[in-house]
Amino acid sequence: MSSDSLVLRLGASATLSGYVLPVLLASLQRHLPGLQVQLRHLPTGQVADCLRRGELDLGFVEGLERCPRLHYEHLLHDELVAVRQATPGGPPPRPLPLAQVLAGPLALREPGSGTLACIEQHLRQAHGVELAALPQVRYLPQLAAIKERLLAAPGTIGLLPRRAVARELLAGALEEVWVLGLRLTRPLVSVRRPDQPLPPAAARLLTLCRERYGSLS
């Protein structure tokens, strides 16, 4: 297949656009060297809106929310973990009580993000807790901004995708904190309009994703 002058229009939420798609797109463009990729970094809900308006060929989002008239395919699982600035003594030897963590300062993604929706759903359904009732929550627009906040504010805890903090955990800048009763997992999925043919480059991208992550999901 020739890729001369081909353009692939993608929309993806933060975790996927920053930590899953880059390696896949690099592989795709090695297969299709003339392909132009237009990747828009969008909150989960906006990806669906852009697909419905015909502004994207393919989307990648996180979480359980589904919009009518769109087709979703599960690609892999994602885990959210509690992290904070690394401390001299290291992480607590035993899990912290959830109430203690929720009473302290938290740094979370902004409303409209799939990450925040996952956290809200888990706290409401599993623990009867509403985020709006918590005393010290700061909402930030980007994963990078949350990490910078954690590094600048000792004691603040963030709930972030493991993929997004793997480098900081390995380098010892952040540390993972186990929290009793807090288990946050969500699917990472592709989404498209079933009434429109999937461009060959988009189909190839999905194949690369299945090949890379199929055994890990």
N, C-alpha and C. Protein backbone atom coordinates (compact mmCIF):
# COMPACT_ATOMS: atom_id res chain seq x y z
N MET A 1 0.84 -1.20 0.00
CA MET A 1 0.00 0.00 0.00
C MET A 1 0.87 1.24 0.00
N SER A 2 0.64 2.13 -0.92
CA SER A 2 1.37 3.39 -0.94
C SER A 2 0.81 4.33 0.09
N SER A 3 1.69 5.06 0.80
CA SER A 3 1.25 6.01 1.81
C SER A 3 1.52 7.44 1.41
N ASP A 4 1.91 7.66 0.14
CA ASP A 4 2.17 9.02 -0.31
C ASP A 4 0.93 9.86 -0.12
N SER A 5 1.07 11.00 0.55
CA SER A 5 0.02 12.00 0.77
C SER A 5 -1.11 11.48 1.65
N LEU A 6 -0.98 10.28 2.27
CA LEU A 6 -2.01 9.80 3.17
C LEU A 6 -1.91 10.51 4.51
N VAL A 7 -3.07 10.81 5.10
CA VAL A 7 -3.13 11.44 6.40
C VAL A 7 -4.01 10.59 7.30
N LEU A 8 -3.52 10.27 8.48
CA LEU A 8 -4.27 9.52 9.47
C LEU A 8 -4.61 10.46 10.62
N ARG A 9 -5.91 10.64 10.87
CA ARG A 9 -6.38 11.57 11.89
C ARG A 9 -6.77 10.78 13.15
N LEU A 10 -6.02 10.99 14.22
CA LEU A 10 -6.24 10.27 15.46
C LEU A 10 -6.57 11.24 16.59
N GLY A 11 -7.36 10.75 17.52
CA GLY A 11 -7.61 11.47 18.77
C GLY A 11 -7.40 10.52 19.92
N ALA A 12 -6.71 10.95 20.97
CA ALA A 12 -6.41 10.05 22.07
C ALA A 12 -6.34 10.81 23.38
N SER A 13 -6.79 10.14 24.44
CA SER A 13 -6.68 10.71 25.77
C SER A 13 -5.24 10.61 26.27
N ALA A 14 -5.00 11.22 27.44
CA ALA A 14 -3.62 11.49 27.85
C ALA A 14 -2.75 10.25 27.98
N THR A 15 -3.24 9.22 28.66
CA THR A 15 -2.42 8.03 28.86
C THR A 15 -2.03 7.39 27.54
N LEU A 16 -2.99 7.29 26.65
CA LEU A 16 -2.74 6.63 25.36
C LEU A 16 -1.86 7.48 24.46
N SER A 17 -2.14 8.78 24.40
CA SER A 17 -1.35 9.63 23.51
C SER A 17 0.08 9.79 23.99
N GLY A 18 0.28 9.73 25.31
CA GLY A 18 1.62 9.95 25.84
C GLY A 18 2.44 8.71 26.08
N TYR A 19 1.78 7.56 26.35
CA TYR A 19 2.53 6.42 26.83
C TYR A 19 2.24 5.12 26.11
N VAL A 20 1.29 5.08 25.20
CA VAL A 20 1.00 3.86 24.45
C VAL A 20 1.21 4.08 22.95
N LEU A 21 0.65 5.15 22.42
CA LEU A 21 0.68 5.35 20.97
C LEU A 21 2.06 5.70 20.39
N PRO A 22 2.94 6.43 21.07
CA PRO A 22 4.19 6.82 20.42
C PRO A 22 4.97 5.67 19.80
N VAL A 23 5.15 4.57 20.53
CA VAL A 23 5.92 3.45 19.98
C VAL A 23 5.17 2.79 18.83
N LEU A 24 3.84 2.73 18.92
CA LEU A 24 3.05 2.14 17.84
C LEU A 24 3.11 3.00 16.58
N LEU A 25 3.04 4.31 16.75
CA LEU A 25 3.09 5.20 15.58
C LEU A 25 4.47 5.18 14.93
N ALA A 26 5.51 5.04 15.73
CA ALA A 26 6.85 4.94 15.15
C ALA A 26 6.95 3.69 14.28
N SER A 27 6.39 2.57 14.77
CA SER A 27 6.40 1.34 13.98
C SER A 27 5.54 1.49 12.74
N LEU A 28 4.38 2.13 12.87
CA LEU A 28 3.49 2.31 11.73
C LEU A 28 4.17 3.13 10.63
N GLN A 29 4.87 4.17 11.02
CA GLN A 29 5.50 5.03 10.01
C GLN A 29 6.74 4.40 9.41
N ARG A 30 7.30 3.40 10.07
CA ARG A 30 8.36 2.62 9.42
C ARG A 30 7.76 1.76 8.31
N HIS A 31 6.57 1.24 8.54
CA HIS A 31 5.88 0.46 7.51
C HIS A 31 5.35 1.35 6.39
N LEU A 32 4.91 2.57 6.76
CA LEU A 32 4.30 3.49 5.80
C LEU A 32 5.05 4.82 5.88
N PRO A 33 6.22 4.93 5.30
CA PRO A 33 7.08 6.09 5.52
C PRO A 33 6.51 7.41 5.03
N GLY A 34 5.57 7.39 4.09
CA GLY A 34 4.99 8.65 3.63
C GLY A 34 3.77 9.09 4.40
N LEU A 35 3.37 8.32 5.41
CA LEU A 35 2.15 8.61 6.15
C LEU A 35 2.32 9.84 7.05
N GLN A 36 1.33 10.72 7.01
CA GLN A 36 1.28 11.86 7.91
C GLN A 36 0.26 11.55 9.01
N VAL A 37 0.70 11.64 10.25
CA VAL A 37 -0.19 11.37 11.38
C VAL A 37 -0.54 12.68 12.07
N GLN A 38 -1.83 12.93 12.19
CA GLN A 38 -2.32 14.07 12.95
C GLN A 38 -2.93 13.53 14.24
N LEU A 39 -2.22 13.71 15.35
CA LEU A 39 -2.67 13.18 16.64
C LEU A 39 -3.13 14.34 17.52
N ARG A 40 -4.40 14.30 17.89
CA ARG A 40 -4.97 15.32 18.77
C ARG A 40 -5.08 14.74 20.18
N HIS A 41 -4.56 15.47 21.15
CA HIS A 41 -4.61 15.06 22.55
C HIS A 41 -5.90 15.64 23.15
N LEU A 42 -6.85 14.77 23.48
CA LEU A 42 -8.19 15.21 23.86
C LEU A 42 -8.68 14.44 25.08
N PRO A 43 -9.52 15.07 25.92
CA PRO A 43 -10.20 14.29 26.96
C PRO A 43 -11.08 13.22 26.32
N THR A 44 -11.36 12.18 27.09
CA THR A 44 -12.10 11.03 26.57
C THR A 44 -13.40 11.44 25.90
N GLY A 45 -14.19 12.29 26.54
CA GLY A 45 -15.48 12.69 25.96
C GLY A 45 -15.35 13.43 24.65
N GLN A 46 -14.31 14.21 24.50
CA GLN A 46 -14.13 14.98 23.27
C GLN A 46 -13.72 14.08 22.10
N VAL A 47 -13.04 12.97 22.39
CA VAL A 47 -12.69 12.04 21.31
C VAL A 47 -13.98 11.53 20.65
N ALA A 48 -14.95 11.14 21.46
CA ALA A 48 -16.22 10.66 20.92
C ALA A 48 -16.92 11.74 20.11
N ASP A 49 -16.93 12.97 20.61
CA ASP A 49 -17.59 14.07 19.88
C ASP A 49 -16.94 14.29 18.52
N CYS A 50 -15.62 14.27 18.48
CA CYS A 50 -14.91 14.51 17.21
C CYS A 50 -15.15 13.37 16.22
N LEU A 51 -15.25 12.14 16.72
CA LEU A 51 -15.56 11.02 15.83
C LEU A 51 -16.94 11.18 15.23
N ARG A 52 -17.90 11.55 16.04
CA ARG A 52 -19.27 11.71 15.53
C ARG A 52 -19.36 12.80 14.48
N ARG A 53 -18.51 13.83 14.61
CA ARG A 53 -18.51 14.91 13.62
C ARG A 53 -17.66 14.59 12.40
N GLY A 54 -17.04 13.43 12.37
CA GLY A 54 -16.22 13.04 11.23
C GLY A 54 -14.86 13.70 11.19
N GLU A 55 -14.38 14.19 12.33
CA GLU A 55 -13.10 14.90 12.38
C GLU A 55 -11.92 13.96 12.64
N LEU A 56 -12.20 12.70 12.99
CA LEU A 56 -11.15 11.73 13.28
C LEU A 56 -11.43 10.44 12.53
N ASP A 57 -10.36 9.72 12.22
CA ASP A 57 -10.49 8.38 11.64
C ASP A 57 -10.59 7.32 12.73
N LEU A 58 -9.94 7.56 13.85
CA LEU A 58 -9.87 6.56 14.90
C LEU A 58 -9.55 7.25 16.22
N GLY A 59 -10.13 6.75 17.30
CA GLY A 59 -9.86 7.31 18.61
C GLY A 59 -9.35 6.25 19.58
N PHE A 60 -8.70 6.72 20.64
CA PHE A 60 -8.20 5.84 21.70
C PHE A 60 -8.54 6.49 23.03
N VAL A 61 -9.29 5.78 23.87
CA VAL A 61 -9.74 6.36 25.13
C VAL A 61 -9.61 5.34 26.25
N GLU A 62 -9.85 5.83 27.48
CA GLU A 62 -9.76 4.97 28.65
C GLU A 62 -11.09 4.99 29.40
N GLY A 63 -11.33 3.95 30.17
CA GLY A 63 -12.51 3.92 31.01
C GLY A 63 -13.65 3.11 30.44
N LEU A 64 -14.76 3.12 31.19
CA LEU A 64 -15.90 2.27 30.88
C LEU A 64 -17.02 3.00 30.14
N GLU A 65 -16.96 4.30 30.07
CA GLU A 65 -18.05 5.06 29.43
C GLU A 65 -18.12 4.73 27.94
N ARG A 66 -19.33 4.51 27.46
CA ARG A 66 -19.56 4.18 26.05
C ARG A 66 -20.61 5.11 25.47
N CYS A 67 -20.38 5.58 24.26
CA CYS A 67 -21.32 6.45 23.58
C CYS A 67 -22.08 5.65 22.52
N PRO A 68 -23.38 5.88 22.39
CA PRO A 68 -24.15 5.17 21.36
C PRO A 68 -23.60 5.47 19.97
N ARG A 69 -23.78 4.51 19.08
CA ARG A 69 -23.43 4.64 17.65
C ARG A 69 -21.93 4.69 17.41
N LEU A 70 -21.14 4.29 18.40
CA LEU A 70 -19.71 4.16 18.20
C LEU A 70 -19.30 2.73 18.56
N HIS A 71 -18.26 2.25 17.90
CA HIS A 71 -17.78 0.88 18.12
C HIS A 71 -16.50 0.94 18.96
N TYR A 72 -16.47 0.13 20.03
CA TYR A 72 -15.32 0.11 20.94
C TYR A 72 -14.66 -1.27 20.89
N GLU A 73 -13.33 -1.28 20.98
CA GLU A 73 -12.58 -2.53 21.04
C GLU A 73 -11.56 -2.44 22.18
N HIS A 74 -11.65 -3.40 23.09
CA HIS A 74 -10.70 -3.45 24.19
C HIS A 74 -9.31 -3.79 23.67
N LEU A 75 -8.31 -3.03 24.09
CA LEU A 75 -6.93 -3.26 23.65
C LEU A 75 -6.04 -3.77 24.77
N LEU A 76 -6.10 -3.15 25.93
CA LEU A 76 -5.28 -3.58 27.06
C LEU A 76 -5.83 -2.97 28.33
N HIS A 77 -5.33 -3.44 29.47
CA HIS A 77 -5.74 -2.90 30.76
C HIS A 77 -4.72 -1.87 31.25
N ASP A 78 -5.21 -0.98 32.08
CA ASP A 78 -4.38 0.05 32.66
C ASP A 78 -4.64 0.07 34.16
N GLU A 79 -3.62 0.37 34.94
CA GLU A 79 -3.74 0.44 36.40
C GLU A 79 -3.39 1.84 36.87
N LEU A 80 -4.21 2.37 37.77
CA LEU A 80 -3.90 3.63 38.42
C LEU A 80 -3.28 3.33 39.79
N VAL A 81 -2.22 4.04 40.12
CA VAL A 81 -1.52 3.80 41.38
C VAL A 81 -1.39 5.10 42.16
N ALA A 82 -1.32 4.96 43.49
CA ALA A 82 -1.11 6.11 44.36
C ALA A 82 0.39 6.34 44.49
N VAL A 83 0.82 7.55 44.20
CA VAL A 83 2.24 7.88 44.27
C VAL A 83 2.43 9.23 44.96
N ARG A 84 3.63 9.44 45.48
CA ARG A 84 3.98 10.70 46.12
C ARG A 84 5.48 10.92 45.92
N GLN A 85 5.93 12.10 46.31
CA GLN A 85 7.37 12.37 46.27
C GLN A 85 8.10 11.35 47.14
N ALA A 86 9.21 10.82 46.62
CA ALA A 86 9.96 9.82 47.38
C ALA A 86 10.43 10.41 48.72
N THR A 87 10.36 9.59 49.76
CA THR A 87 10.74 10.01 51.11
C THR A 87 12.00 9.26 51.54
N PRO A 88 12.78 9.83 52.49
CA PRO A 88 14.01 9.17 52.93
C PRO A 88 13.76 7.77 53.49
N GLY A 89 12.64 7.59 54.17
CA GLY A 89 12.36 6.28 54.76
C GLY A 89 11.70 5.30 53.81
N GLY A 90 11.34 5.76 52.62
CA GLY A 90 10.68 4.90 51.66
C GLY A 90 9.19 4.78 51.93
N PRO A 91 8.47 4.02 51.11
CA PRO A 91 7.03 3.86 51.28
C PRO A 91 6.68 3.23 52.62
N PRO A 92 5.49 3.47 53.13
CA PRO A 92 5.08 2.83 54.39
C PRO A 92 5.14 1.31 54.26
N PRO A 93 5.54 0.62 55.33
CA PRO A 93 5.65 -0.84 55.24
C PRO A 93 4.30 -1.54 55.10
N ARG A 94 3.22 -0.88 55.53
CA ARG A 94 1.88 -1.45 55.40
C ARG A 94 0.98 -0.47 54.67
N PRO A 95 -0.06 -0.96 54.03
CA PRO A 95 -0.98 -0.06 53.31
C PRO A 95 -1.59 0.99 54.23
N LEU A 96 -1.77 2.18 53.69
CA LEU A 96 -2.39 3.26 54.44
C LEU A 96 -3.90 3.12 54.41
N PRO A 97 -4.60 3.54 55.47
CA PRO A 97 -6.06 3.56 55.43
C PRO A 97 -6.54 4.54 54.35
N LEU A 98 -7.57 4.14 53.64
CA LEU A 98 -8.10 5.00 52.58
C LEU A 98 -8.55 6.35 53.13
N ALA A 99 -9.18 6.36 54.29
CA ALA A 99 -9.66 7.61 54.87
C ALA A 99 -8.51 8.58 55.12
N GLN A 100 -7.36 8.07 55.53
CA GLN A 100 -6.19 8.92 55.76
C GLN A 100 -5.72 9.56 54.46
N VAL A 101 -5.68 8.78 53.40
CA VAL A 101 -5.24 9.30 52.11
C VAL A 101 -6.21 10.34 51.57
N LEU A 102 -7.50 10.06 51.68
CA LEU A 102 -8.51 10.98 51.14
C LEU A 102 -8.60 12.28 51.94
N ALA A 103 -8.17 12.24 53.20
CA ALA A 103 -8.20 13.46 54.03
C ALA A 103 -7.04 14.39 53.72
N GLY A 104 -5.99 13.86 53.13
CA GLY A 104 -4.80 14.66 52.85
C GLY A 104 -4.86 15.30 51.48
N PRO A 105 -3.82 16.04 51.11
CA PRO A 105 -3.81 16.68 49.79
C PRO A 105 -3.70 15.65 48.66
N LEU A 106 -4.53 15.84 47.65
CA LEU A 106 -4.55 14.97 46.48
C LEU A 106 -4.37 15.82 45.23
N ALA A 107 -3.67 15.27 44.25
CA ALA A 107 -3.53 15.91 42.94
C ALA A 107 -4.11 14.96 41.90
N LEU A 108 -5.15 15.42 41.21
CA LEU A 108 -5.89 14.56 40.28
C LEU A 108 -6.07 15.24 38.94
N ARG A 109 -6.40 14.44 37.92
CA ARG A 109 -6.70 14.99 36.61
C ARG A 109 -7.97 15.84 36.65
N GLU A 110 -8.09 16.71 35.66
CA GLU A 110 -9.21 17.64 35.59
C GLU A 110 -10.50 16.91 35.23
N PRO A 111 -11.68 17.50 35.56
CA PRO A 111 -12.96 16.93 35.14
C PRO A 111 -13.02 16.77 33.62
N GLY A 112 -13.63 15.68 33.18
CA GLY A 112 -13.70 15.36 31.76
C GLY A 112 -12.69 14.32 31.33
N SER A 113 -11.71 14.04 32.17
CA SER A 113 -10.70 13.05 31.82
C SER A 113 -11.19 11.65 32.20
N GLY A 114 -10.77 10.65 31.42
CA GLY A 114 -11.12 9.28 31.74
C GLY A 114 -10.50 8.82 33.05
N THR A 115 -9.31 9.34 33.36
CA THR A 115 -8.65 8.98 34.61
C THR A 115 -9.48 9.42 35.81
N LEU A 116 -9.95 10.65 35.79
CA LEU A 116 -10.76 11.14 36.92
C LEU A 116 -12.09 10.38 36.99
N ALA A 117 -12.70 10.09 35.85
CA ALA A 117 -13.97 9.35 35.85
C ALA A 117 -13.81 7.98 36.50
N CYS A 118 -12.68 7.32 36.23
CA CYS A 118 -12.41 6.02 36.84
C CYS A 118 -12.30 6.14 38.36
N ILE A 119 -11.58 7.16 38.82
CA ILE A 119 -11.41 7.36 40.26
C ILE A 119 -12.75 7.68 40.91
N GLU A 120 -13.52 8.57 40.31
CA GLU A 120 -14.82 8.94 40.85
C GLU A 120 -15.74 7.74 40.96
N GLN A 121 -15.78 6.93 39.91
CA GLN A 121 -16.66 5.76 39.90
C GLN A 121 -16.28 4.77 40.99
N HIS A 122 -14.97 4.50 41.12
CA HIS A 122 -14.53 3.54 42.13
C HIS A 122 -14.84 4.03 43.54
N LEU A 123 -14.52 5.28 43.84
CA LEU A 123 -14.76 5.79 45.18
C LEU A 123 -16.24 5.80 45.52
N ARG A 124 -17.08 6.16 44.55
CA ARG A 124 -18.52 6.22 44.79
C ARG A 124 -19.12 4.82 44.98
N GLN A 125 -18.77 3.90 44.08
CA GLN A 125 -19.39 2.58 44.11
C GLN A 125 -18.82 1.67 45.18
N ALA A 126 -17.51 1.71 45.40
CA ALA A 126 -16.88 0.80 46.36
C ALA A 126 -16.82 1.35 47.77
N HIS A 127 -16.84 2.68 47.91
CA HIS A 127 -16.62 3.26 49.24
C HIS A 127 -17.66 4.31 49.63
N GLY A 128 -18.58 4.65 48.75
CA GLY A 128 -19.59 5.66 49.07
C GLY A 128 -19.02 7.04 49.27
N VAL A 129 -17.91 7.34 48.60
CA VAL A 129 -17.22 8.63 48.76
C VAL A 129 -17.40 9.47 47.50
N GLU A 130 -17.73 10.74 47.68
CA GLU A 130 -17.83 11.69 46.58
C GLU A 130 -16.60 12.59 46.59
N LEU A 131 -15.95 12.72 45.44
CA LEU A 131 -14.75 13.57 45.37
C LEU A 131 -15.05 15.00 45.80
N ALA A 132 -16.24 15.48 45.47
CA ALA A 132 -16.58 16.87 45.80
C ALA A 132 -16.58 17.12 47.30
N ALA A 133 -16.71 16.06 48.09
CA ALA A 133 -16.75 16.22 49.55
C ALA A 133 -15.37 16.18 50.18
N LEU A 134 -14.35 15.87 49.41
CA LEU A 134 -13.01 15.77 49.98
C LEU A 134 -12.42 17.15 50.21
N PRO A 135 -11.63 17.32 51.28
CA PRO A 135 -11.22 18.67 51.67
C PRO A 135 -10.04 19.25 50.89
N GLN A 136 -9.16 18.41 50.33
CA GLN A 136 -7.92 18.94 49.77
C GLN A 136 -7.62 18.29 48.42
N VAL A 137 -8.39 18.63 47.42
CA VAL A 137 -8.18 18.09 46.09
C VAL A 137 -7.80 19.21 45.13
N ARG A 138 -6.72 19.02 44.41
CA ARG A 138 -6.33 19.97 43.36
C ARG A 138 -6.42 19.24 42.02
N TYR A 139 -7.15 19.85 41.07
CA TYR A 139 -7.33 19.26 39.76
C TYR A 139 -6.39 19.94 38.77
N LEU A 140 -5.67 19.14 38.01
CA LEU A 140 -4.68 19.67 37.07
C LEU A 140 -4.93 19.11 35.67
N PRO A 141 -4.59 19.87 34.63
CA PRO A 141 -5.01 19.50 33.28
C PRO A 141 -4.17 18.43 32.60
N GLN A 142 -2.98 18.15 33.10
CA GLN A 142 -2.09 17.22 32.41
C GLN A 142 -1.42 16.28 33.40
N LEU A 143 -1.09 15.08 32.93
CA LEU A 143 -0.35 14.14 33.78
C LEU A 143 0.99 14.73 34.22
N ALA A 144 1.66 15.42 33.29
CA ALA A 144 2.96 16.02 33.62
C ALA A 144 2.81 17.06 34.72
N ALA A 145 1.72 17.81 34.69
CA ALA A 145 1.50 18.84 35.72
C ALA A 145 1.28 18.21 37.09
N ILE A 146 0.60 17.07 37.12
CA ILE A 146 0.41 16.38 38.39
C ILE A 146 1.75 15.89 38.93
N LYS A 147 2.58 15.33 38.08
CA LYS A 147 3.89 14.85 38.54
C LYS A 147 4.72 16.01 39.08
N GLU A 148 4.68 17.14 38.40
CA GLU A 148 5.43 18.31 38.90
C GLU A 148 4.88 18.76 40.24
N ARG A 149 3.57 18.70 40.40
CA ARG A 149 2.96 19.07 41.69
C ARG A 149 3.43 18.13 42.79
N LEU A 150 3.47 16.84 42.52
CA LEU A 150 3.91 15.89 43.54
C LEU A 150 5.35 16.13 43.94
N LEU A 151 6.20 16.46 42.97
CA LEU A 151 7.61 16.69 43.26
C LEU A 151 7.84 17.99 44.03
N ALA A 152 6.87 18.92 43.91
CA ALA A 152 7.01 20.21 44.57
C ALA A 152 6.26 20.29 45.90
N ALA A 153 5.41 19.31 46.19
CA ALA A 153 4.56 19.37 47.39
C ALA A 153 4.66 18.05 48.15
N PRO A 154 5.65 17.90 49.01
CA PRO A 154 5.80 16.65 49.77
C PRO A 154 4.51 16.31 50.53
N GLY A 155 4.15 15.05 50.52
CA GLY A 155 2.94 14.61 51.22
C GLY A 155 1.71 14.56 50.34
N THR A 156 1.74 15.25 49.22
CA THR A 156 0.61 15.19 48.29
C THR A 156 0.63 13.85 47.55
N ILE A 157 -0.52 13.24 47.41
CA ILE A 157 -0.63 11.96 46.73
C ILE A 157 -1.39 12.15 45.42
N GLY A 158 -0.87 11.53 44.38
CA GLY A 158 -1.55 11.54 43.08
C GLY A 158 -1.98 10.13 42.71
N LEU A 159 -3.07 10.03 42.00
CA LEU A 159 -3.55 8.75 41.47
C LEU A 159 -3.35 8.79 39.97
N LEU A 160 -2.33 8.08 39.50
CA LEU A 160 -1.88 8.22 38.12
C LEU A 160 -1.70 6.85 37.46
N PRO A 161 -1.78 6.81 36.13
CA PRO A 161 -1.51 5.55 35.43
C PRO A 161 -0.08 5.08 35.69
N ARG A 162 0.06 3.78 35.95
CA ARG A 162 1.40 3.26 36.20
C ARG A 162 2.34 3.56 35.05
N ARG A 163 1.81 3.48 33.81
CA ARG A 163 2.65 3.77 32.65
C ARG A 163 3.20 5.19 32.69
N ALA A 164 2.44 6.11 33.28
CA ALA A 164 2.85 7.51 33.28
C ALA A 164 3.92 7.82 34.32
N VAL A 165 4.04 6.97 35.33
CA VAL A 165 5.02 7.25 36.39
C VAL A 165 6.12 6.20 36.47
N ALA A 166 6.17 5.29 35.51
CA ALA A 166 7.17 4.21 35.56
C ALA A 166 8.59 4.76 35.62
N ARG A 167 8.86 5.80 34.83
CA ARG A 167 10.22 6.35 34.80
C ARG A 167 10.58 7.00 36.13
N GLU A 168 9.64 7.75 36.70
CA GLU A 168 9.91 8.44 37.96
C GLU A 168 10.05 7.44 39.12
N LEU A 169 9.27 6.36 39.08
CA LEU A 169 9.40 5.32 40.12
C LEU A 169 10.77 4.64 40.02
N LEU A 170 11.18 4.33 38.81
CA LEU A 170 12.47 3.67 38.61
C LEU A 170 13.62 4.57 39.03
N ALA A 171 13.49 5.87 38.78
CA ALA A 171 14.56 6.81 39.12
C ALA A 171 14.57 7.17 40.60
N GLY A 172 13.52 6.80 41.32
CA GLY A 172 13.46 7.13 42.74
C GLY A 172 12.97 8.53 43.04
N ALA A 173 12.38 9.20 42.06
CA ALA A 173 11.83 10.53 42.30
C ALA A 173 10.46 10.45 42.97
N LEU A 174 9.69 9.44 42.59
CA LEU A 174 8.39 9.18 43.21
C LEU A 174 8.41 7.80 43.83
N GLU A 175 7.49 7.56 44.76
CA GLU A 175 7.33 6.23 45.35
C GLU A 175 5.86 5.85 45.37
N GLU A 176 5.61 4.57 45.20
CA GLU A 176 4.23 4.07 45.21
C GLU A 176 3.80 3.82 46.66
N VAL A 177 2.57 4.21 46.95
CA VAL A 177 1.99 4.03 48.28
C VAL A 177 0.81 3.09 48.16
N TRP A 178 0.83 1.99 48.89
CA TRP A 178 -0.30 1.07 48.90
C TRP A 178 -1.40 1.62 49.79
N VAL A 179 -2.64 1.54 49.30
CA VAL A 179 -3.79 2.08 50.03
C VAL A 179 -4.83 0.98 50.18
N LEU A 180 -5.30 0.77 51.41
CA LEU A 180 -6.27 -0.28 51.69
C LEU A 180 -7.56 -0.04 50.89
N GLY A 181 -8.00 -1.06 50.18
CA GLY A 181 -9.27 -0.99 49.49
C GLY A 181 -9.25 -0.20 48.20
N LEU A 182 -8.07 0.23 47.77
CA LEU A 182 -8.00 1.03 46.55
C LEU A 182 -7.36 0.20 45.44
N ARG A 183 -8.20 -0.26 44.53
CA ARG A 183 -7.71 -1.00 43.36
C ARG A 183 -8.37 -0.40 42.14
N LEU A 184 -7.58 0.28 41.35
CA LEU A 184 -8.10 1.05 40.22
C LEU A 184 -7.55 0.49 38.92
N THR A 185 -8.39 -0.18 38.17
CA THR A 185 -8.02 -0.65 36.83
C THR A 185 -9.10 -0.21 35.86
N ARG A 186 -8.70 -0.03 34.62
CA ARG A 186 -9.66 0.38 33.60
C ARG A 186 -9.17 -0.13 32.25
N PRO A 187 -10.08 -0.31 31.30
CA PRO A 187 -9.65 -0.73 29.97
C PRO A 187 -9.17 0.47 29.15
N LEU A 188 -8.22 0.23 28.29
CA LEU A 188 -7.84 1.17 27.25
C LEU A 188 -8.39 0.62 25.94
N VAL A 189 -9.15 1.44 25.23
CA VAL A 189 -9.91 0.93 24.08
C VAL A 189 -9.73 1.83 22.87
N SER A 190 -9.94 1.24 21.71
CA SER A 190 -10.05 2.03 20.48
C SER A 190 -11.53 2.30 20.24
N VAL A 191 -11.82 3.36 19.52
CA VAL A 191 -13.21 3.73 19.25
C VAL A 191 -13.29 4.33 17.84
N ARG A 192 -14.34 3.95 17.12
CA ARG A 192 -14.52 4.45 15.76
C ARG A 192 -15.99 4.45 15.40
N ARG A 193 -16.30 5.06 14.27
CA ARG A 193 -17.66 5.04 13.76
C ARG A 193 -17.86 3.79 12.91
N PRO A 194 -18.82 2.93 13.26
CA PRO A 194 -19.00 1.70 12.48
C PRO A 194 -19.60 1.94 11.10
N ASP A 195 -20.16 3.12 10.88
CA ASP A 195 -20.78 3.41 9.58
C ASP A 195 -19.79 3.99 8.58
N GLN A 196 -18.53 4.13 8.97
CA GLN A 196 -17.51 4.64 8.05
C GLN A 196 -16.39 3.61 7.91
N PRO A 197 -15.92 3.37 6.69
CA PRO A 197 -14.82 2.42 6.50
C PRO A 197 -13.57 2.89 7.26
N LEU A 198 -12.90 1.94 7.86
CA LEU A 198 -11.66 2.26 8.57
C LEU A 198 -10.53 2.40 7.56
N PRO A 199 -9.84 3.54 7.51
CA PRO A 199 -8.73 3.68 6.56
C PRO A 199 -7.68 2.59 6.77
N PRO A 200 -7.02 2.14 5.70
CA PRO A 200 -6.02 1.06 5.84
C PRO A 200 -4.94 1.36 6.87
N ALA A 201 -4.51 2.61 6.96
CA ALA A 201 -3.47 2.95 7.94
C ALA A 201 -3.99 2.79 9.37
N ALA A 202 -5.27 3.13 9.59
CA ALA A 202 -5.85 2.96 10.92
C ALA A 202 -5.99 1.48 11.25
N ALA A 203 -6.40 0.69 10.26
CA ALA A 203 -6.51 -0.76 10.48
C ALA A 203 -5.14 -1.36 10.81
N ARG A 204 -4.11 -0.89 10.14
CA ARG A 204 -2.76 -1.38 10.41
C ARG A 204 -2.31 -0.99 11.82
N LEU A 205 -2.67 0.21 12.26
CA LEU A 205 -2.33 0.65 13.61
C LEU A 205 -2.99 -0.25 14.65
N LEU A 206 -4.24 -0.61 14.44
CA LEU A 206 -4.93 -1.50 15.37
C LEU A 206 -4.27 -2.87 15.39
N THR A 207 -3.85 -3.35 14.24
CA THR A 207 -3.16 -4.65 14.19
C THR A 207 -1.86 -4.60 14.98
N LEU A 208 -1.10 -3.52 14.84
CA LEU A 208 0.14 -3.37 15.60
C LEU A 208 -0.14 -3.36 17.11
N CYS A 209 -1.21 -2.71 17.51
CA CYS A 209 -1.57 -2.64 18.92
C CYS A 209 -1.94 -4.02 19.45
N ARG A 210 -2.73 -4.77 18.67
CA ARG A 210 -3.09 -6.13 19.10
C ARG A 210 -1.86 -7.02 19.21
N GLU A 211 -0.95 -6.88 18.26
CA GLU A 211 0.25 -7.71 18.27
C GLU A 211 1.14 -7.39 19.47
N ARG A 212 1.21 -6.12 19.84
CA ARG A 212 2.11 -5.71 20.92
C ARG A 212 1.51 -5.99 22.29
N TYR A 213 0.20 -5.73 22.46
CA TYR A 213 -0.39 -5.76 23.78
C TYR A 213 -1.38 -6.90 24.00
N GLY A 214 -1.69 -7.66 22.95
CA GLY A 214 -2.72 -8.69 23.09
C GLY A 214 -2.45 -9.68 24.20
N SER A 215 -1.20 -10.06 24.39
CA SER A 215 -0.87 -11.05 25.42
C SER A 215 -0.75 -10.44 26.79
N LEU A 216 -0.81 -9.08 26.86
CA LEU A 216 -0.63 -8.40 28.15
C LEU A 216 -1.94 -7.91 28.73
N SER A 217 -3.02 -7.89 27.95
CA SER A 217 -4.27 -7.26 28.40
C SER A 217 -5.07 -8.20 29.27
